[in-house]
Amino acid sequence: MLVGVEFGRTAGHNGQHPGSFDPTLDELALLAESAGDTPVAKVVARRQAPDAALFVGSGKADEIKLLVQTHQAHTVLFDQSISPAQQRNLERVLGVPVADRTALILEIFARRAKSHEGKLQVELARLQYLATRLVRRWSHLERQSGGIGMRGGPGEAQIELDRRMIDDRIKVTKERLKKVQKQRSTQQRARARNGVFRVSLVGYTNAGKSTLFNALVKARSYAADQLFATLDTTTRSMYLEQAGASVSLSDTVGFIRDLPHKLVAAFQATLQEAIDADLLLHVVDAASPVLEEQLAEVERVLEEIGASHIPQILVYNKQDLLDEDQRPRQPLDWIERHEPGKVGVRMPRVFVSAQDGSGLDVLREQLVAAMQADNTETQSTIQA
């Protein structure tokens, strides 16, 4: 069961309250499918403010309970974050497990992380989330908790044991992560000393970054039509014939609306590839009906991680999914993006299809131009 709640009296131009959920719950449905669940029904509620006890209020909770029974749903997923108390109360009323968007994203991240660093980052984010919940249903913690003076049964002592155990795990995970990040920064410094021009692919999840990455470097990075297909940063060398030189190309984790702050913090090292890049290829799903919102969300996260100053090429991908009359006449144009607190920034926009390869030659030309502009700037700085 998917549940979204729209708060406030006034709605935005698209009928959506600012900072609210996706009215159709399409993205939550995609997230659920990425986690291996099958959405069976959607419920949309409208309220002035969240109900302190049940988030949706008792009347709507009863309605959801009836739908849960009708559809034989196993879990209820909320599109917004709910508090630990609201989660417990809802589970009591609905009779099935309840999870929110943050828990769902963490679940997907936990399944998809492949590298040692990625797994540690997910572990840290999950532990920090769990520390605020103290709901003992996390099997990997259950298995490791046995026998140390535990009496069993709920109560203050049990919660204290949980809290101490989680705090210890957070401490150990942070230390292990620090070591891995140290190794990564050593590798990055070595790359910087080599004078390699670094390009990072960024963009909303499922914009086709991995497919584009594969098309550009002929790699075999995992690509699928689902949210968060790629979690770990993959870096390959790409030879640009016109420049007679190679650049370093990195594929990073996809961004998403309302990405939990804990995850942005925990994934700082994965996103470090974007922060340290000389150029960002901002990949956009040209066929998405919410293209502008997704663009704005990526720009917001780039600002949050300190990467908004890095030059960008906008890559409007998935041209093959557009109708003939929607496709651009030219494969390249220039647009002005108005970023918060800045004068409009002009950046090239390239229209491509990573699937059929159209526009990739124009994108390579733009990469060469960006690389040469960077070299010119570096030379001017040295001479100055």
Protein backbone atom coordinates (compact mmCIF):
# COMPACT_ATOMS: atom_id res chain seq x y z
CA MET A 1 0.00 0.00 0.00
CA LEU A 2 1.41 3.40 -0.98
CA VAL A 3 0.33 6.45 1.04
CA GLY A 4 1.00 10.12 0.29
CA VAL A 5 -0.19 13.10 2.32
CA GLU A 6 -0.48 16.61 0.90
CA PHE A 7 -0.19 19.29 3.58
CA GLY A 8 -1.28 22.93 3.68
CA ARG A 9 -4.09 25.00 2.23
CA THR A 10 -2.40 26.43 -0.86
CA ALA A 11 -1.18 24.32 -3.74
CA GLY A 12 1.52 25.11 -6.30
CA HIS A 13 0.97 25.75 -10.02
CA ASN A 14 0.91 22.01 -10.70
CA GLY A 15 -1.51 21.30 -7.87
CA GLN A 16 1.36 20.25 -5.66
CA HIS A 17 2.14 21.94 -2.38
CA PRO A 18 5.78 23.12 -2.26
CA GLY A 19 7.99 20.51 -0.60
CA SER A 20 5.14 17.99 -0.80
CA PHE A 21 4.98 14.51 -2.29
CA ASP A 22 4.55 13.32 -5.88
CA PRO A 23 0.73 13.52 -6.25
CA THR A 24 0.57 10.38 -8.38
CA LEU A 25 2.97 8.45 -6.09
CA ASP A 26 4.69 7.16 -9.26
CA GLU A 27 8.18 7.61 -7.85
CA LEU A 28 7.28 5.82 -4.59
CA ALA A 29 5.88 2.95 -6.70
CA LEU A 30 9.20 2.76 -8.61
CA LEU A 31 11.11 2.79 -5.32
CA ALA A 32 8.93 -0.02 -3.99
CA GLU A 33 9.53 -2.07 -7.15
CA SER A 34 13.29 -1.43 -6.85
CA ALA A 35 13.09 -2.90 -3.34
CA GLY A 36 11.31 -5.99 -4.71
CA ASP A 37 7.78 -5.05 -3.60
CA THR A 38 4.61 -4.96 -5.71
CA PRO A 39 2.39 -1.90 -5.16
CA VAL A 40 -1.26 -3.00 -4.90
CA ALA A 41 -3.04 0.28 -4.07
CA LYS A 42 -2.44 4.01 -3.56
CA VAL A 43 -4.01 6.34 -1.01
CA VAL A 44 -3.75 10.13 -1.10
CA ALA A 45 -4.74 12.17 1.95
CA ARG A 46 -4.95 15.96 2.37
CA ARG A 47 -4.41 17.60 5.75
CA GLN A 48 -3.51 20.99 7.19
CA ALA A 49 -0.73 19.42 9.28
CA PRO A 50 0.50 15.91 10.24
CA ASP A 51 -1.46 14.17 13.00
CA ALA A 52 0.88 13.82 15.98
CA ALA A 53 -0.16 10.23 16.74
CA LEU A 54 -1.04 8.67 13.37
CA PHE A 55 0.36 11.15 10.77
CA VAL A 56 -2.82 10.71 8.66
CA GLY A 57 -5.40 10.94 11.45
CA SER A 58 -7.62 8.17 12.85
CA GLY A 59 -10.32 8.32 10.15
CA LYS A 60 -7.84 7.94 7.29
CA ALA A 61 -5.94 5.23 9.26
CA ASP A 62 -9.18 3.19 9.48
CA GLU A 63 -9.71 3.67 5.74
CA ILE A 64 -6.15 2.46 5.03
CA LYS A 65 -6.71 -0.55 7.33
CA LEU A 66 -9.78 -1.56 5.32
CA LEU A 67 -7.81 -1.26 2.05
CA VAL A 68 -4.92 -3.27 3.52
CA GLN A 69 -7.35 -6.08 4.33
CA THR A 70 -9.13 -5.84 0.95
CA HIS A 71 -5.87 -6.00 -1.04
CA GLN A 72 -4.12 -8.33 1.44
CA ALA A 73 -1.19 -5.92 1.56
CA HIS A 74 1.84 -6.95 3.62
CA THR A 75 3.32 -3.47 4.20
CA VAL A 76 2.25 0.18 4.11
CA LEU A 77 4.78 2.65 2.63
CA PHE A 78 4.57 6.39 3.31
CA ASP A 79 5.96 8.92 0.82
CA GLN A 80 7.11 11.22 3.63
CA SER A 81 9.20 10.65 6.74
CA ILE A 82 7.20 9.58 9.76
CA SER A 83 8.35 9.64 13.39
CA PRO A 84 9.14 6.47 15.38
CA ALA A 85 6.02 7.03 17.53
CA GLN A 86 3.80 7.49 14.45
CA GLN A 87 5.27 4.32 12.94
CA ARG A 88 4.54 2.27 16.09
CA ASN A 89 1.00 3.67 16.41
CA LEU A 90 0.21 3.02 12.75
CA GLU A 91 1.50 -0.55 12.96
CA ARG A 92 -0.75 -1.12 15.97
CA VAL A 93 -3.80 0.19 14.09
CA LEU A 94 -3.08 -1.28 10.64
CA GLY A 95 -1.80 -4.66 11.79
CA VAL A 96 1.04 -4.71 9.21
CA PRO A 97 4.60 -3.30 9.12
CA VAL A 98 4.83 0.41 8.23
CA ALA A 99 7.85 2.06 6.59
CA ASP A 100 8.59 5.52 5.21
CA ARG A 101 10.45 6.78 2.15
CA THR A 102 13.76 7.00 4.06
CA ALA A 103 13.59 3.36 5.22
CA LEU A 104 12.72 2.27 1.69
CA ILE A 105 15.69 4.12 0.14
CA LEU A 106 18.00 2.66 2.80
CA GLU A 107 16.71 -0.84 2.01
CA ILE A 108 17.47 -0.38 -1.71
CA PHE A 109 20.90 1.08 -0.97
CA ALA A 110 21.70 -1.86 1.33
CA ARG A 111 20.90 -4.34 -1.45
CA ARG A 112 22.73 -2.49 -4.21
CA ALA A 113 26.01 -1.45 -2.57
CA LYS A 114 28.82 -3.60 -3.95
CA SER A 115 32.11 -1.98 -2.92
CA HIS A 116 33.53 -2.12 0.60
CA GLU A 117 33.14 1.66 0.92
CA GLY A 118 29.57 1.62 -0.41
CA LYS A 119 28.56 -1.08 2.09
CA LEU A 120 30.11 0.86 4.96
CA GLN A 121 28.30 4.05 3.95
CA VAL A 122 24.95 2.25 3.79
CA GLU A 123 25.64 0.56 7.13
CA LEU A 124 26.38 3.92 8.73
CA ALA A 125 23.22 5.53 7.32
CA ARG A 126 21.07 2.59 8.43
CA LEU A 127 22.53 2.61 11.95
CA GLN A 128 21.97 6.36 12.28
CA TYR A 129 18.38 5.92 11.13
CA LEU A 130 17.90 2.96 13.45
CA ALA A 131 19.31 4.91 16.42
CA THR A 132 16.24 7.16 16.28
CA ARG A 133 13.85 4.19 16.05
CA LEU A 134 15.05 1.40 18.34
CA VAL A 135 12.60 -1.03 16.78
CA ARG A 136 14.19 -4.47 17.07
CA ARG A 137 13.44 -5.94 13.69
CA TRP A 138 16.77 -5.55 11.91
CA SER A 139 18.01 -9.09 11.41
CA HIS A 140 21.70 -8.22 11.02
CA LEU A 141 21.64 -6.60 14.48
CA GLU A 142 19.51 -9.37 16.01
CA ARG A 143 22.05 -12.00 15.01
CA GLN A 144 24.94 -10.11 16.60
CA SER A 145 23.21 -9.19 19.83
CA GLY A 146 22.85 -12.57 21.48
CA GLY A 147 23.85 -13.54 24.94
CA ILE A 148 25.63 -10.63 26.61
CA GLY A 149 23.61 -10.41 29.82
CA MET A 150 20.35 -9.97 27.93
CA ARG A 151 17.19 -10.88 29.79
CA GLY A 152 14.82 -10.58 26.83
CA GLY A 153 11.49 -8.81 26.79
CA PRO A 154 10.84 -5.10 26.25
CA GLY A 155 11.72 -2.41 28.77
CA GLU A 156 14.21 0.28 29.66
CA ALA A 157 17.15 -2.14 30.04
CA GLN A 158 16.53 -3.61 26.59
CA ILE A 159 16.35 -0.17 24.95
CA GLU A 160 19.58 0.87 26.71
CA LEU A 161 21.31 -2.28 25.44
CA ASP A 162 20.07 -1.55 21.93
CA ARG A 163 21.23 2.05 22.14
CA ARG A 164 24.70 1.11 23.40
CA MET A 165 25.05 -1.60 20.74
CA ILE A 166 24.04 0.78 17.95
CA ASP A 167 26.32 3.58 19.24
CA ASP A 168 29.26 1.13 19.30
CA ARG A 169 28.50 -0.03 15.77
CA ILE A 170 28.27 3.58 14.54
CA LYS A 171 31.67 4.35 16.10
CA VAL A 172 33.36 1.30 14.54
CA THR A 173 31.75 1.90 11.12
CA LYS A 174 32.85 5.56 11.10
CA GLU A 175 36.46 4.53 11.86
CA ARG A 176 36.47 1.90 9.10
CA LEU A 177 34.97 4.41 6.67
CA LYS A 178 37.65 6.98 7.53
CA LYS A 179 40.39 4.48 6.57
CA VAL A 180 38.74 3.68 3.22
CA GLN A 181 38.21 7.40 2.48
CA LYS A 182 41.89 8.07 3.24
CA GLN A 183 42.87 5.48 0.62
CA ARG A 184 40.45 7.06 -1.87
CA SER A 185 41.83 10.58 -1.34
CA THR A 186 45.39 9.24 -1.87
CA GLN A 187 44.25 7.80 -5.23
CA GLN A 188 42.54 11.09 -6.13
CA ARG A 189 45.67 13.10 -5.29
CA ALA A 190 47.68 10.78 -7.54
CA ARG A 191 45.18 11.37 -10.37
CA ALA A 192 45.33 15.14 -9.79
CA ARG A 193 49.16 15.07 -9.92
CA ASN A 194 48.97 13.26 -13.25
CA GLY A 195 47.04 16.26 -14.55
CA VAL A 196 44.15 14.08 -15.73
CA PHE A 197 40.99 16.04 -16.64
CA ARG A 198 38.23 14.61 -14.41
CA VAL A 199 34.63 14.34 -15.60
CA SER A 200 31.75 13.11 -13.41
CA LEU A 201 28.30 12.01 -14.52
CA VAL A 202 25.61 13.32 -12.18
CA GLY A 203 21.84 13.38 -12.46
CA TYR A 204 18.52 12.21 -11.12
CA THR A 205 18.25 8.47 -10.58
CA ASN A 206 17.17 6.55 -13.70
CA ALA A 207 18.20 9.38 -16.08
CA GLY A 208 20.38 6.87 -17.96
CA LYS A 209 23.81 7.80 -16.52
CA SER A 210 25.17 4.23 -16.52
CA THR A 211 23.94 3.57 -20.08
CA LEU A 212 25.64 6.80 -21.20
CA PHE A 213 28.79 5.88 -19.25
CA ASN A 214 28.89 2.49 -21.00
CA ALA A 215 28.31 4.10 -24.42
CA LEU A 216 31.16 6.59 -23.89
CA VAL A 217 33.80 4.26 -22.45
CA LYS A 218 32.54 0.88 -23.76
CA ALA A 219 32.48 -0.37 -20.17
CA ARG A 220 30.05 -2.87 -18.71
CA SER A 221 28.74 -0.89 -15.76
CA TYR A 222 25.39 -2.27 -14.55
CA ALA A 223 22.49 -0.37 -16.12
CA ALA A 224 18.78 -1.06 -15.66
CA ASP A 225 15.48 0.79 -15.94
CA GLN A 226 15.05 1.16 -12.20
CA LEU A 227 15.85 3.62 -9.42
CA PHE A 228 19.36 3.36 -7.95
CA ALA A 229 20.63 0.69 -10.38
CA THR A 230 24.16 1.98 -9.64
CA LEU A 231 25.36 2.90 -6.16
CA ASP A 232 29.12 2.61 -6.28
CA THR A 233 31.19 5.11 -8.22
CA THR A 234 32.87 3.56 -11.27
CA THR A 235 35.79 5.40 -12.91
CA ARG A 236 37.23 4.63 -16.35
CA SER A 237 39.67 6.30 -18.71
CA MET A 238 38.11 7.67 -21.92
CA TYR A 239 40.24 8.58 -24.94
CA LEU A 240 39.19 11.70 -26.86
CA GLU A 241 40.63 11.45 -30.35
CA GLN A 242 40.24 15.15 -31.25
CA ALA A 243 42.21 16.15 -28.15
CA GLY A 244 44.72 13.32 -28.46
CA ALA A 245 44.34 12.73 -24.72
CA SER A 246 42.37 10.73 -22.18
CA VAL A 247 40.00 12.00 -19.51
CA SER A 248 38.88 10.25 -16.33
CA LEU A 249 35.10 9.58 -16.41
CA SER A 250 33.17 8.66 -13.24
CA ASP A 251 29.61 7.39 -12.90
CA THR A 252 28.10 8.43 -9.55
CA VAL A 253 25.02 7.50 -7.50
CA GLY A 254 21.72 8.97 -8.75
CA PHE A 255 20.07 11.82 -6.87
CA ILE A 256 16.42 11.73 -5.79
CA ARG A 257 13.78 14.06 -4.39
CA ASP A 258 13.89 14.35 -0.59
CA LEU A 259 17.07 12.29 -0.39
CA PRO A 260 17.41 11.74 3.36
CA HIS A 261 20.01 14.13 4.78
CA LYS A 262 21.73 11.22 6.56
CA LEU A 263 22.28 9.59 3.20
CA VAL A 264 23.77 12.74 1.67
CA ALA A 265 26.17 12.85 4.64
CA ALA A 266 26.94 9.12 4.55
CA PHE A 267 27.49 9.18 0.79
CA GLN A 268 29.79 12.20 0.92
CA ALA A 269 32.72 10.05 -0.21
CA THR A 270 30.83 8.54 -3.13
CA LEU A 271 29.75 12.03 -4.14
CA GLN A 272 33.36 13.20 -3.62
CA GLU A 273 34.00 12.20 -7.24
CA ALA A 274 31.52 14.92 -8.22
CA ILE A 275 33.05 17.47 -5.82
CA ASP A 276 36.58 16.85 -7.16
CA ALA A 277 35.61 16.87 -10.86
CA ASP A 278 36.80 19.49 -13.38
CA LEU A 279 33.53 19.09 -15.31
CA LEU A 280 30.08 17.67 -14.56
CA LEU A 281 27.95 15.94 -17.17
CA HIS A 282 24.48 16.61 -15.75
CA VAL A 283 22.38 13.84 -17.32
CA VAL A 284 18.67 14.61 -17.66
CA ASP A 285 15.84 12.25 -18.62
CA ALA A 286 14.41 14.27 -21.53
CA ALA A 287 11.29 12.07 -21.57
CA SER A 288 10.42 12.69 -17.90
CA PRO A 289 7.20 14.66 -17.28
CA VAL A 290 8.85 16.22 -14.19
CA LEU A 291 12.14 17.13 -15.91
CA GLU A 292 12.39 20.65 -14.41
CA GLU A 293 11.76 19.43 -10.84
CA GLN A 294 14.43 16.74 -11.25
CA LEU A 295 16.92 19.29 -12.65
CA ALA A 296 16.28 21.58 -9.68
CA GLU A 297 16.68 18.72 -7.18
CA VAL A 298 20.08 17.72 -8.59
CA GLU A 299 21.24 21.36 -8.50
CA ARG A 300 20.07 21.62 -4.87
CA VAL A 301 22.10 18.54 -3.82
CA LEU A 302 25.16 19.74 -5.80
CA GLU A 303 24.94 22.97 -3.82
CA GLU A 304 24.65 21.00 -0.56
CA ILE A 305 27.80 18.97 -1.27
CA GLY A 306 29.78 21.99 -2.47
CA ALA A 307 29.88 21.15 -6.18
CA SER A 308 27.60 23.83 -7.66
CA HIS A 309 30.57 25.96 -8.85
CA ILE A 310 31.91 23.23 -11.18
CA PRO A 311 31.27 23.80 -14.94
CA GLN A 312 28.45 21.68 -16.35
CA ILE A 313 27.32 20.29 -19.67
CA LEU A 314 23.60 19.47 -19.63
CA VAL A 315 23.02 16.14 -21.39
CA TYR A 316 19.37 15.64 -22.36
CA ASN A 317 19.29 11.86 -22.70
CA LYS A 318 16.60 9.40 -23.93
CA GLN A 319 15.83 11.32 -27.16
CA ASP A 320 14.79 7.95 -28.63
CA LEU A 321 11.76 7.94 -26.29
CA LEU A 322 10.46 11.29 -27.58
CA ASP A 323 7.95 11.67 -30.41
CA GLU A 324 9.39 13.04 -33.64
CA ASP A 325 7.79 16.49 -33.14
CA GLN A 326 9.27 16.74 -29.60
CA ARG A 327 12.86 16.17 -30.67
CA PRO A 328 15.17 19.19 -31.06
CA ARG A 329 16.21 20.32 -34.56
CA GLN A 330 19.84 20.83 -33.51
CA PRO A 331 21.86 18.41 -31.33
CA LEU A 332 23.37 21.34 -29.37
CA ASP A 333 22.23 24.66 -27.93
CA TRP A 334 23.08 26.93 -25.00
CA ILE A 335 20.74 27.73 -22.14
CA GLU A 336 20.87 29.95 -19.09
CA ARG A 337 20.29 28.29 -15.73
CA HIS A 338 19.32 30.53 -12.81
CA GLU A 339 20.89 29.04 -9.72
CA PRO A 340 20.13 30.25 -6.16
CA GLY A 341 22.13 33.39 -5.26
CA LYS A 342 23.85 33.56 -8.67
CA VAL A 343 23.56 35.49 -11.90
CA GLY A 344 22.29 33.26 -14.74
CA VAL A 345 24.92 30.74 -15.86
CA ARG A 346 25.14 29.83 -19.57
CA MET A 347 25.86 26.19 -20.23
CA PRO A 348 25.84 23.93 -23.29
CA ARG A 349 22.93 21.52 -23.67
CA VAL A 350 23.53 18.42 -25.78
CA PHE A 351 20.67 16.17 -26.93
CA VAL A 352 21.64 12.49 -27.01
CA SER A 353 20.36 8.94 -26.88
CA ALA A 354 22.76 6.69 -25.00
CA GLN A 355 20.63 3.82 -26.28
CA ASP A 356 21.07 4.39 -30.04
CA GLY A 357 24.22 6.54 -29.88
CA SER A 358 22.80 9.68 -31.51
CA GLY A 359 24.41 12.94 -30.37
CA LEU A 360 27.39 11.23 -28.69
CA ASP A 361 29.84 12.67 -31.26
CA VAL A 362 28.59 16.20 -30.40
CA LEU A 363 28.97 15.42 -26.68
CA ARG A 364 32.57 14.30 -27.26
CA GLU A 365 33.27 17.60 -29.11
CA GLN A 366 31.92 19.52 -26.11
CA LEU A 367 34.12 17.47 -23.77
CA VAL A 368 37.16 18.37 -25.90
CA ALA A 369 36.17 22.08 -25.85
CA ALA A 370 35.73 22.01 -22.03
CA MET A 371 39.08 20.27 -21.62
CA GLN A 372 40.87 22.84 -23.84
CA ALA A 373 39.16 25.75 -22.01
CA ASP A 374 40.35 24.27 -18.70
CA ASN A 375 43.92 23.94 -20.02
CA THR A 376 43.87 27.58 -21.21
CA GLU A 377 42.61 28.72 -17.81
CA THR A 378 45.29 26.69 -16.02
CA GLN A 379 48.02 28.18 -18.23
CA SER A 380 46.76 31.74 -17.58
CA THR A 381 46.79 31.07 -13.81
CA ILE A 382 50.36 29.72 -13.97
CA GLN A 383 51.57 32.74 -15.99
CA ALA A 384 49.78 35.18 -13.66
